[in-house]
Amino acid sequence: MSDISKRIGVSRRQLERLFGTYVGTTPAKHYLSLRVDHAKRLIEGTRLPLVDVAMASGFVSSSHFSKCFRNLHGVSPQQLRLTVPAWIGRGLG
C-alpha cells in the first residue's frame, strides 16, 4: 500500500479511505477475496491437491486457507471439491 500511495501521490491512509469509498472494503480484505476466488477457480477447474491450491493462491498454511475460504464461501474447500465433476482433469499439476 505504501508503494502504491507514493506512486499516485496520496497518503496511505487517504488511499485506504478512497479504496473503502469506491470499492466498499479495505484493501486487505479485497486482496484476500481475490486470493480465495482464485483458489475457488482452481478447485472447480482442476484436480490439484488442496494444499497445492492453497499455495498457488498465496496461503502458507492450509488451515488458514480453509478458514478464509469457509468464511467467504460458506463451505470448506473439501466440500466444494466434492461437487466438482469427475471429468475435470489434473489441470496445472
PDB file of N, CA and C in Angstrom:
ATOM      1  N   MET A   1       0.819  -1.187   0.000  1.00  0.00           N
ATOM      2  CA  MET A   1       0.000   0.000   0.000  1.00  0.00           C
ATOM      3  C   MET A   1       0.865   1.253   0.000  1.00  0.00           C
ATOM      4  N   SER A   2       1.973   1.198   0.727  1.00  0.00           N
ATOM      5  CA  SER A   2       2.854   2.368   0.772  1.00  0.00           C
ATOM      6  C   SER A   2       3.400   2.712  -0.603  1.00  0.00           C
ATOM      7  N   ASP A   3       3.826   1.702  -1.337  1.00  0.00           N
ATOM      8  CA  ASP A   3       4.357   1.938  -2.686  1.00  0.00           C
ATOM      9  C   ASP A   3       3.293   2.513  -3.618  1.00  0.00           C
ATOM     10  N   ILE A   4       2.099   1.964  -3.534  1.00  0.00           N
ATOM     11  CA  ILE A   4       1.019   2.448  -4.393  1.00  0.00           C
ATOM     12  C   ILE A   4       0.664   3.889  -4.050  1.00  0.00           C
ATOM     13  N   SER A   5       0.564   4.176  -2.744  1.00  0.00           N
ATOM     14  CA  SER A   5       0.201   5.539  -2.340  1.00  0.00           C
ATOM     15  C   SER A   5       1.258   6.549  -2.784  1.00  0.00           C
ATOM     16  N   LYS A   6       2.531   6.175  -2.719  1.00  0.00           N
ATOM     17  CA  LYS A   6       3.597   7.073  -3.185  1.00  0.00           C
ATOM     18  C   LYS A   6       3.482   7.322  -4.686  1.00  0.00           C
ATOM     19  N   ARG A   7       3.182   6.268  -5.442  1.00  0.00           N
ATOM     20  CA  ARG A   7       3.096   6.404  -6.904  1.00  0.00           C
ATOM     21  C   ARG A   7       1.968   7.325  -7.344  1.00  0.00           C
ATOM     22  N   ILE A   8       0.871   7.321  -6.585  1.00  0.00           N
ATOM     23  CA  ILE A   8      -0.256   8.153  -7.001  1.00  0.00           C
ATOM     24  C   ILE A   8      -0.311   9.479  -6.244  1.00  0.00           C
ATOM     25  N   GLY A   9       0.609   9.676  -5.303  1.00  0.00           N
ATOM     26  CA  GLY A   9       0.738  10.963  -4.649  1.00  0.00           C
ATOM     27  C   GLY A   9      -0.261  11.265  -3.544  1.00  0.00           C
ATOM     28  N   VAL A  10      -0.723  10.238  -2.850  1.00  0.00           N
ATOM     29  CA  VAL A  10      -1.591  10.438  -1.690  1.00  0.00           C
ATOM     30  C   VAL A  10      -1.018   9.656  -0.509  1.00  0.00           C
ATOM     31  N   SER A  11      -1.481   9.990   0.679  1.00  0.00           N
ATOM     32  CA  SER A  11      -1.019   9.248   1.850  1.00  0.00           C
ATOM     33  C   SER A  11      -1.622   7.846   1.840  1.00  0.00           C
ATOM     34  N   ARG A  12      -1.006   6.974   2.582  1.00  0.00           N
ATOM     35  CA  ARG A  12      -1.520   5.601   2.675  1.00  0.00           C
ATOM     36  C   ARG A  12      -2.936   5.601   3.237  1.00  0.00           C
ATOM     37  N   ARG A  13      -3.160   6.399   4.269  1.00  0.00           N
ATOM     38  CA  ARG A  13      -4.489   6.469   4.891  1.00  0.00           C
ATOM     39  C   ARG A  13      -5.531   7.006   3.905  1.00  0.00           C
ATOM     40  N   GLN A  14      -5.154   8.012   3.128  1.00  0.00           N
ATOM     41  CA  GLN A  14      -6.088   8.552   2.126  1.00  0.00           C
ATOM     42  C   GLN A  14      -6.406   7.495   1.072  1.00  0.00           C
ATOM     43  N   LEU A  15      -5.413   6.743   0.670  1.00  0.00           N
ATOM     44  CA  LEU A  15      -5.636   5.671  -0.297  1.00  0.00           C
ATOM     45  C   LEU A  15      -6.606   4.638   0.279  1.00  0.00           C
ATOM     46  N   GLU A  16      -6.434   4.295   1.549  1.00  0.00           N
ATOM     47  CA  GLU A  16      -7.338   3.341   2.191  1.00  0.00           C
ATOM     48  C   GLU A  16      -8.764   3.889   2.259  1.00  0.00           C
ATOM     49  N   ARG A  17      -8.910   5.177   2.553  1.00  0.00           N
ATOM     50  CA  ARG A  17     -10.240   5.790   2.582  1.00  0.00           C
ATOM     51  C   ARG A  17     -10.876   5.777   1.197  1.00  0.00           C
ATOM     52  N   LEU A  18     -10.108   6.146   0.184  1.00  0.00           N
ATOM     53  CA  LEU A  18     -10.621   6.126  -1.188  1.00  0.00           C
ATOM     54  C   LEU A  18     -11.020   4.712  -1.603  1.00  0.00           C
ATOM     55  N   PHE A  19     -10.196   3.766  -1.248  1.00  0.00           N
ATOM     56  CA  PHE A  19     -10.482   2.367  -1.581  1.00  0.00           C
ATOM     57  C   PHE A  19     -11.800   1.945  -0.944  1.00  0.00           C
ATOM     58  N   GLY A  20     -11.971   2.286   0.328  1.00  0.00           N
ATOM     59  CA  GLY A  20     -13.212   1.947   1.013  1.00  0.00           C
ATOM     60  C   GLY A  20     -14.421   2.613   0.391  1.00  0.00           C
ATOM     61  N   THR A  21     -14.269   3.860  -0.016  1.00  0.00           N
ATOM     62  CA  THR A  21     -15.370   4.606  -0.623  1.00  0.00           C
ATOM     63  C   THR A  21     -15.786   4.002  -1.963  1.00  0.00           C
ATOM     64  N   TYR A  22     -14.811   3.673  -2.807  1.00  0.00           N
ATOM     65  CA  TYR A  22     -15.125   3.240  -4.163  1.00  0.00           C
ATOM     66  C   TYR A  22     -15.217   1.726  -4.348  1.00  0.00           C
ATOM     67  N   VAL A  23     -14.555   0.971  -3.492  1.00  0.00           N
ATOM     68  CA  VAL A  23     -14.604  -0.487  -3.620  1.00  0.00           C
ATOM     69  C   VAL A  23     -15.506  -1.098  -2.546  1.00  0.00           C
ATOM     70  N   GLY A  24     -15.633  -0.408  -1.417  1.00  0.00           N
ATOM     71  CA  GLY A  24     -16.546  -0.865  -0.375  1.00  0.00           C
ATOM     72  C   GLY A  24     -15.953  -1.785   0.664  1.00  0.00           C
ATOM     73  N   THR A  25     -14.652  -1.911   0.660  1.00  0.00           N
ATOM     74  CA  THR A  25     -13.981  -2.764   1.633  1.00  0.00           C
ATOM     75  C   THR A  25     -12.557  -2.263   1.820  1.00  0.00           C
ATOM     76  N   THR A  26     -11.831  -2.883   2.716  1.00  0.00           N
ATOM     77  CA  THR A  26     -10.433  -2.498   2.902  1.00  0.00           C
ATOM     78  C   THR A  26      -9.572  -3.164   1.829  1.00  0.00           C
ATOM     79  N   PRO A  27      -8.401  -2.598   1.549  1.00  0.00           N
ATOM     80  CA  PRO A  27      -7.516  -3.239   0.575  1.00  0.00           C
ATOM     81  C   PRO A  27      -7.140  -4.666   0.983  1.00  0.00           C
ATOM     82  N   ALA A  28      -6.900  -4.890   2.268  1.00  0.00           N
ATOM     83  CA  ALA A  28      -6.504  -6.223   2.733  1.00  0.00           C
ATOM     84  C   ALA A  28      -7.631  -7.241   2.508  1.00  0.00           C
ATOM     85  N   LYS A  29      -8.863  -6.856   2.815  1.00  0.00           N
ATOM     86  CA  LYS A  29      -9.990  -7.773   2.610  1.00  0.00           C
ATOM     87  C   LYS A  29     -10.228  -8.026   1.133  1.00  0.00           C
ATOM     88  N   HIS A  30     -10.046  -7.012   0.324  1.00  0.00           N
ATOM     89  CA  HIS A  30     -10.210  -7.184  -1.119  1.00  0.00           C
ATOM     90  C   HIS A  30      -9.153  -8.143  -1.672  1.00  0.00           C
ATOM     91  N   TYR A  31      -7.924  -7.974  -1.240  1.00  0.00           N
ATOM     92  CA  TYR A  31      -6.843  -8.853  -1.695  1.00  0.00           C
ATOM     93  C   TYR A  31      -7.105 -10.294  -1.254  1.00  0.00           C
ATOM     94  N   LEU A  32      -7.563 -10.475  -0.018  1.00  0.00           N
ATOM     95  CA  LEU A  32      -7.887 -11.812   0.472  1.00  0.00           C
ATOM     96  C   LEU A  32      -9.000 -12.423  -0.382  1.00  0.00           C
ATOM     97  N   SER A  33      -9.998 -11.628  -0.711  1.00  0.00           N
ATOM     98  CA  SER A  33     -11.095 -12.113  -1.538  1.00  0.00           C
ATOM     99  C   SER A  33     -10.608 -12.546  -2.915  1.00  0.00           C
ATOM    100  N   LEU A  34      -9.705 -11.784  -3.506  1.00  0.00           N
ATOM    101  CA  LEU A  34      -9.141 -12.159  -4.808  1.00  0.00           C
ATOM    102  C   LEU A  34      -8.408 -13.495  -4.725  1.00  0.00           C
ATOM    103  N   ARG A  35      -7.633 -13.677  -3.656  1.00  0.00           N
ATOM    104  CA  ARG A  35      -6.887 -14.932  -3.485  1.00  0.00           C
ATOM    105  C   ARG A  35      -7.823 -16.122  -3.295  1.00  0.00           C
ATOM    106  N   VAL A  36      -8.862 -15.946  -2.484  1.00  0.00           N
ATOM    107  CA  VAL A  36      -9.805 -17.034  -2.243  1.00  0.00           C
ATOM    108  C   VAL A  36     -10.605 -17.342  -3.510  1.00  0.00           C
ATOM    109  N   ASP A  37     -10.972 -16.342  -4.264  1.00  0.00           N
ATOM    110  CA  ASP A  37     -11.683 -16.576  -5.521  1.00  0.00           C
ATOM    111  C   ASP A  37     -10.803 -17.311  -6.533  1.00  0.00           C
ATOM    112  N   HIS A  38      -9.522 -16.980  -6.548  1.00  0.00           N
ATOM    113  CA  HIS A  38      -8.580 -17.712  -7.407  1.00  0.00           C
ATOM    114  C   HIS A  38      -8.532 -19.186  -6.981  1.00  0.00           C
ATOM    115  N   ALA A  39      -8.470 -19.423  -5.688  1.00  0.00           N
ATOM    116  CA  ALA A  39      -8.462 -20.789  -5.175  1.00  0.00           C
ATOM    117  C   ALA A  39      -9.732 -21.529  -5.574  1.00  0.00           C
ATOM    118  N   LYS A  40     -10.869 -20.852  -5.501  1.00  0.00           N
ATOM    119  CA  LYS A  40     -12.146 -21.471  -5.876  1.00  0.00           C
ATOM    120  C   LYS A  40     -12.122 -21.905  -7.340  1.00  0.00           C
ATOM    121  N   ARG A  41     -11.585 -21.050  -8.203  1.00  0.00           N
ATOM    122  CA  ARG A  41     -11.484 -21.420  -9.619  1.00  0.00           C
ATOM    123  C   ARG A  41     -10.564 -22.634  -9.817  1.00  0.00           C
ATOM    124  N   LEU A  42      -9.476 -22.694  -9.044  1.00  0.00           N
ATOM    125  CA  LEU A  42      -8.574 -23.848  -9.148  1.00  0.00           C
ATOM    126  C   LEU A  42      -9.250 -25.125  -8.657  1.00  0.00           C
ATOM    127  N   ILE A  43     -10.017 -25.023  -7.590  1.00  0.00           N
ATOM    128  CA  ILE A  43     -10.717 -26.201  -7.070  1.00  0.00           C
ATOM    129  C   ILE A  43     -11.748 -26.690  -8.077  1.00  0.00           C
ATOM    130  N   GLU A  44     -12.476 -25.761  -8.681  1.00  0.00           N
ATOM    131  CA  GLU A  44     -13.525 -26.130  -9.626  1.00  0.00           C
ATOM    132  C   GLU A  44     -12.991 -26.566 -10.987  1.00  0.00           C
ATOM    133  N   GLY A  45     -11.793 -26.107 -11.350  1.00  0.00           N
ATOM    134  CA  GLY A  45     -11.297 -26.374 -12.689  1.00  0.00           C
ATOM    135  C   GLY A  45     -10.147 -27.343 -12.796  1.00  0.00           C
ATOM    136  N   THR A  46      -9.629 -27.796 -11.653  1.00  0.00           N
ATOM    137  CA  THR A  46      -8.504 -28.730 -11.681  1.00  0.00           C
ATOM    138  C   THR A  46      -8.711 -29.791 -10.605  1.00  0.00           C
ATOM    139  N   ARG A  47      -7.844 -30.742 -10.609  1.00  0.00           N
ATOM    140  CA  ARG A  47      -7.806 -31.755  -9.561  1.00  0.00           C
ATOM    141  C   ARG A  47      -6.536 -31.603  -8.719  1.00  0.00           C
ATOM    142  N   LEU A  48      -5.993 -30.396  -8.697  1.00  0.00           N
ATOM    143  CA  LEU A  48      -4.818 -30.160  -7.860  1.00  0.00           C
ATOM    144  C   LEU A  48      -5.145 -30.492  -6.413  1.00  0.00           C
ATOM    145  N   PRO A  49      -4.200 -31.071  -5.681  1.00  0.00           N
ATOM    146  CA  PRO A  49      -4.427 -31.280  -4.241  1.00  0.00           C
ATOM    147  C   PRO A  49      -4.706 -29.937  -3.566  1.00  0.00           C
ATOM    148  N   LEU A  50      -5.542 -29.939  -2.560  1.00  0.00           N
ATOM    149  CA  LEU A  50      -5.941 -28.692  -1.915  1.00  0.00           C
ATOM    150  C   LEU A  50      -4.775 -27.936  -1.314  1.00  0.00           C
ATOM    151  N   VAL A  51      -3.757 -28.629  -0.855  1.00  0.00           N
ATOM    152  CA  VAL A  51      -2.581 -27.938  -0.323  1.00  0.00           C
ATOM    153  C   VAL A  51      -1.876 -27.168  -1.439  1.00  0.00           C
ATOM    154  N   ASP A  52      -1.869 -27.719  -2.640  1.00  0.00           N
ATOM    155  CA  ASP A  52      -1.280 -27.020  -3.782  1.00  0.00           C
ATOM    156  C   ASP A  52      -2.139 -25.825  -4.200  1.00  0.00           C
ATOM    157  N   VAL A  53      -3.446 -25.976  -4.098  1.00  0.00           N
ATOM    158  CA  VAL A  53      -4.347 -24.855  -4.385  1.00  0.00           C
ATOM    159  C   VAL A  53      -4.079 -23.730  -3.400  1.00  0.00           C
ATOM    160  N   ALA A  54      -3.922 -24.078  -2.128  1.00  0.00           N
ATOM    161  CA  ALA A  54      -3.647 -23.066  -1.095  1.00  0.00           C
ATOM    162  C   ALA A  54      -2.348 -22.327  -1.409  1.00  0.00           C
ATOM    163  N   MET A  55      -1.307 -23.061  -1.732  1.00  0.00           N
ATOM    164  CA  MET A  55      -0.014 -22.439  -2.037  1.00  0.00           C
ATOM    165  C   MET A  55      -0.094 -21.586  -3.301  1.00  0.00           C
ATOM    166  N   ALA A  56      -0.782 -22.073  -4.324  1.00  0.00           N
ATOM    167  CA  ALA A  56      -0.906 -21.326  -5.574  1.00  0.00           C
ATOM    168  C   ALA A  56      -1.727 -20.050  -5.390  1.00  0.00           C
ATOM    169  N   SER A  57      -2.470 -19.975  -4.308  1.00  0.00           N
ATOM    170  CA  SER A  57      -3.297 -18.805  -4.026  1.00  0.00           C
ATOM    171  C   SER A  57      -2.674 -17.889  -2.981  1.00  0.00           C
ATOM    172  N   GLY A  58      -1.435 -18.182  -2.607  1.00  0.00           N
ATOM    173  CA  GLY A  58      -0.713 -17.294  -1.709  1.00  0.00           C
ATOM    174  C   GLY A  58      -0.856 -17.585  -0.229  1.00  0.00           C
ATOM    175  N   PHE A  59      -1.393 -18.740   0.115  1.00  0.00           N
ATOM    176  CA  PHE A  59      -1.515 -19.113   1.527  1.00  0.00           C
ATOM    177  C   PHE A  59      -0.353 -20.015   1.914  1.00  0.00           C
ATOM    178  N   VAL A  60       0.219 -19.776   3.070  1.00  0.00           N
ATOM    179  CA  VAL A  60       1.321 -20.620   3.532  1.00  0.00           C
ATOM    180  C   VAL A  60       0.833 -21.707   4.479  1.00  0.00           C
ATOM    181  N   SER A  61      -0.410 -21.605   4.916  1.00  0.00           N
ATOM    182  CA  SER A  61      -0.989 -22.571   5.836  1.00  0.00           C
ATOM    183  C   SER A  61      -2.309 -23.071   5.273  1.00  0.00           C
ATOM    184  N   SER A  62      -2.443 -24.387   5.160  1.00  0.00           N
ATOM    185  CA  SER A  62      -3.695 -24.922   4.629  1.00  0.00           C
ATOM    186  C   SER A  62      -4.849 -24.703   5.600  1.00  0.00           C
ATOM    187  N   SER A  63      -4.574 -24.642   6.898  1.00  0.00           N
ATOM    188  CA  SER A  63      -5.649 -24.392   7.855  1.00  0.00           C
ATOM    189  C   SER A  63      -6.156 -22.947   7.747  1.00  0.00           C
ATOM    190  N   HIS A  64      -5.248 -21.994   7.551  1.00  0.00           N
ATOM    191  CA  HIS A  64      -5.659 -20.607   7.359  1.00  0.00           C
ATOM    192  C   HIS A  64      -6.435 -20.465   6.051  1.00  0.00           C
ATOM    193  N   PHE A  65      -5.992 -21.146   5.024  1.00  0.00           N
ATOM    194  CA  PHE A  65      -6.694 -21.148   3.747  1.00  0.00           C
ATOM    195  C   PHE A  65      -8.120 -21.666   3.923  1.00  0.00           C
ATOM    196  N   SER A  66      -8.274 -22.794   4.598  1.00  0.00           N
ATOM    197  CA  SER A  66      -9.599 -23.383   4.798  1.00  0.00           C
ATOM    198  C   SER A  66     -10.514 -22.443   5.572  1.00  0.00           C
ATOM    199  N   LYS A  67      -9.974 -21.802   6.600  1.00  0.00           N
ATOM    200  CA  LYS A  67     -10.764 -20.875   7.411  1.00  0.00           C
ATOM    201  C   LYS A  67     -11.230 -19.687   6.567  1.00  0.00           C
ATOM    202  N   CYS A  68     -10.329 -19.088   5.824  1.00  0.00           N
ATOM    203  CA  CYS A  68     -10.676 -17.941   4.974  1.00  0.00           C
ATOM    204  C   CYS A  68     -11.678 -18.338   3.901  1.00  0.00           C
ATOM    205  N   PHE A  69     -11.468 -19.495   3.303  1.00  0.00           N
ATOM    206  CA  PHE A  69     -12.349 -19.981   2.249  1.00  0.00           C
ATOM    207  C   PHE A  69     -13.758 -20.183   2.797  1.00  0.00           C
ATOM    208  N   ARG A  70     -13.861 -20.843   3.930  1.00  0.00           N
ATOM    209  CA  ARG A  70     -15.161 -21.106   4.541  1.00  0.00           C
ATOM    210  C   ARG A  70     -15.873 -19.804   4.914  1.00  0.00           C
ATOM    211  N   ASN A  71     -15.120 -18.835   5.431  1.00  0.00           N
ATOM    212  CA  ASN A  71     -15.714 -17.551   5.805  1.00  0.00           C
ATOM    213  C   ASN A  71     -16.310 -16.832   4.600  1.00  0.00           C
ATOM    214  N   LEU A  72     -15.664 -16.923   3.444  1.00  0.00           N
ATOM    215  CA  LEU A  72     -16.139 -16.210   2.253  1.00  0.00           C
ATOM    216  C   LEU A  72     -17.180 -16.977   1.444  1.00  0.00           C
ATOM    217  N   HIS A  73     -17.085 -18.311   1.426  1.00  0.00           N
ATOM    218  CA  HIS A  73     -17.964 -19.097   0.547  1.00  0.00           C
ATOM    219  C   HIS A  73     -18.966 -19.972   1.290  1.00  0.00           C
ATOM    220  N   GLY A  74     -18.855 -20.068   2.597  1.00  0.00           N
ATOM    221  CA  GLY A  74     -19.839 -20.828   3.369  1.00  0.00           C
ATOM    222  C   GLY A  74     -19.653 -22.329   3.361  1.00  0.00           C
ATOM    223  N   VAL A  75     -18.677 -22.806   2.608  1.00  0.00           N
ATOM    224  CA  VAL A  75     -18.339 -24.235   2.585  1.00  0.00           C
ATOM    225  C   VAL A  75     -16.825 -24.352   2.635  1.00  0.00           C
ATOM    226  N   SER A  76     -16.349 -25.496   3.079  1.00  0.00           N
ATOM    227  CA  SER A  76     -14.902 -25.705   3.107  1.00  0.00           C
ATOM    228  C   SER A  76     -14.403 -26.037   1.706  1.00  0.00           C
ATOM    229  N   PRO A  77     -13.107 -25.887   1.469  1.00  0.00           N
ATOM    230  CA  PRO A  77     -12.560 -26.294   0.166  1.00  0.00           C
ATOM    231  C   PRO A  77     -12.836 -27.769  -0.135  1.00  0.00           C
ATOM    232  N   GLN A  78     -12.785 -28.606   0.899  1.00  0.00           N
ATOM    233  CA  GLN A  78     -13.052 -30.035   0.716  1.00  0.00           C
ATOM    234  C   GLN A  78     -14.497 -30.266   0.272  1.00  0.00           C
ATOM    235  N   GLN A  79     -15.442 -29.530   0.867  1.00  0.00           N
ATOM    236  CA  GLN A  79     -16.843 -29.679   0.468  1.00  0.00           C
ATOM    237  C   GLN A  79     -17.057 -29.238  -0.975  1.00  0.00           C
ATOM    238  N   LEU A  80     -16.407 -28.154  -1.366  1.00  0.00           N
ATOM    239  CA  LEU A  80     -16.526 -27.699  -2.744  1.00  0.00           C
ATOM    240  C   LEU A  80     -15.924 -28.723  -3.697  1.00  0.00           C
ATOM    241  N   ARG A  81     -14.806 -29.292  -3.328  1.00  0.00           N
ATOM    242  CA  ARG A  81     -14.149 -30.284  -4.194  1.00  0.00           C
ATOM    243  C   ARG A  81     -15.071 -31.460  -4.477  1.00  0.00           C
ATOM    244  N   LEU A  82     -15.897 -31.823  -3.510  1.00  0.00           N
ATOM    245  CA  LEU A  82     -16.813 -32.948  -3.701  1.00  0.00           C
ATOM    246  C   LEU A  82     -17.872 -32.657  -4.762  1.00  0.00           C
ATOM    247  N   THR A  83     -18.101 -31.398  -5.074  1.00  0.00           N
ATOM    248  CA  THR A  83     -19.110 -31.036  -6.076  1.00  0.00           C
ATOM    249  C   THR A  83     -18.532 -30.947  -7.487  1.00  0.00           C
ATOM    250  N   VAL A  84     -17.219 -31.061  -7.615  1.00  0.00           N
ATOM    251  CA  VAL A  84     -16.563 -30.941  -8.927  1.00  0.00           C
ATOM    252  C   VAL A  84     -16.811 -32.215  -9.729  1.00  0.00           C
ATOM    253  N   PRO A  85     -17.248 -32.088 -10.974  1.00  0.00           N
ATOM    254  CA  PRO A  85     -17.499 -33.277 -11.798  1.00  0.00           C
ATOM    255  C   PRO A  85     -16.241 -34.144 -11.953  1.00  0.00           C
ATOM    256  N   ALA A  86     -16.454 -35.424 -12.070  1.00  0.00           N
ATOM    257  CA  ALA A  86     -15.340 -36.370 -12.170  1.00  0.00           C
ATOM    258  C   ALA A  86     -14.510 -36.172 -13.427  1.00  0.00           C
ATOM    259  N   TRP A  87     -15.074 -35.570 -14.480  1.00  0.00           N
ATOM    260  CA  TRP A  87     -14.334 -35.412 -15.727  1.00  0.00           C
ATOM    261  C   TRP A  87     -13.278 -34.309 -15.676  1.00  0.00           C
ATOM    262  N   ILE A  88     -13.271 -33.492 -14.622  1.00  0.00           N
ATOM    263  CA  ILE A  88     -12.243 -32.455 -14.508  1.00  0.00           C
ATOM    264  C   ILE A  88     -10.884 -33.147 -14.342  1.00  0.00           C
ATOM    265  N   GLY A  89      -9.960 -32.787 -15.193  1.00  0.00           N
ATOM    266  CA  GLY A  89      -8.653 -33.427 -15.174  1.00  0.00           C
ATOM    267  C   GLY A  89      -7.710 -32.880 -14.118  1.00  0.00           C
ATOM    268  N   ARG A  90      -6.490 -33.346 -14.146  1.00  0.00           N
ATOM    269  CA  ARG A  90      -5.485 -32.957 -13.171  1.00  0.00           C
ATOM    270  C   ARG A  90      -5.190 -31.476 -13.225  1.00  0.00           C
ATOM    271  N   GLY A  91      -5.264 -30.872 -14.400  1.00  0.00           N
ATOM    272  CA  GLY A  91      -5.064 -29.435 -14.503  1.00  0.00           C
ATOM    273  C   GLY A  91      -3.616 -29.038 -14.538  1.00  0.00           C
ATOM    274  N   LEU A  92      -3.247 -28.116 -13.679  1.00  0.00           N
ATOM    275  CA  LEU A  92      -1.939 -27.492 -13.742  1.00  0.00           C
ATOM    276  C   LEU A  92      -0.805 -28.373 -13.229  1.00  0.00           C
ATOM    277  N   GLY A  93      -1.125 -29.469 -12.614  1.00  0.00           N
ATOM    278  CA  GLY A  93      -0.102 -30.287 -11.963  1.00  0.00           C
ATOM    279  C   GLY A  93       0.732 -31.099 -12.887  1.00  0.00           C
TER     280      GLY A  93
END
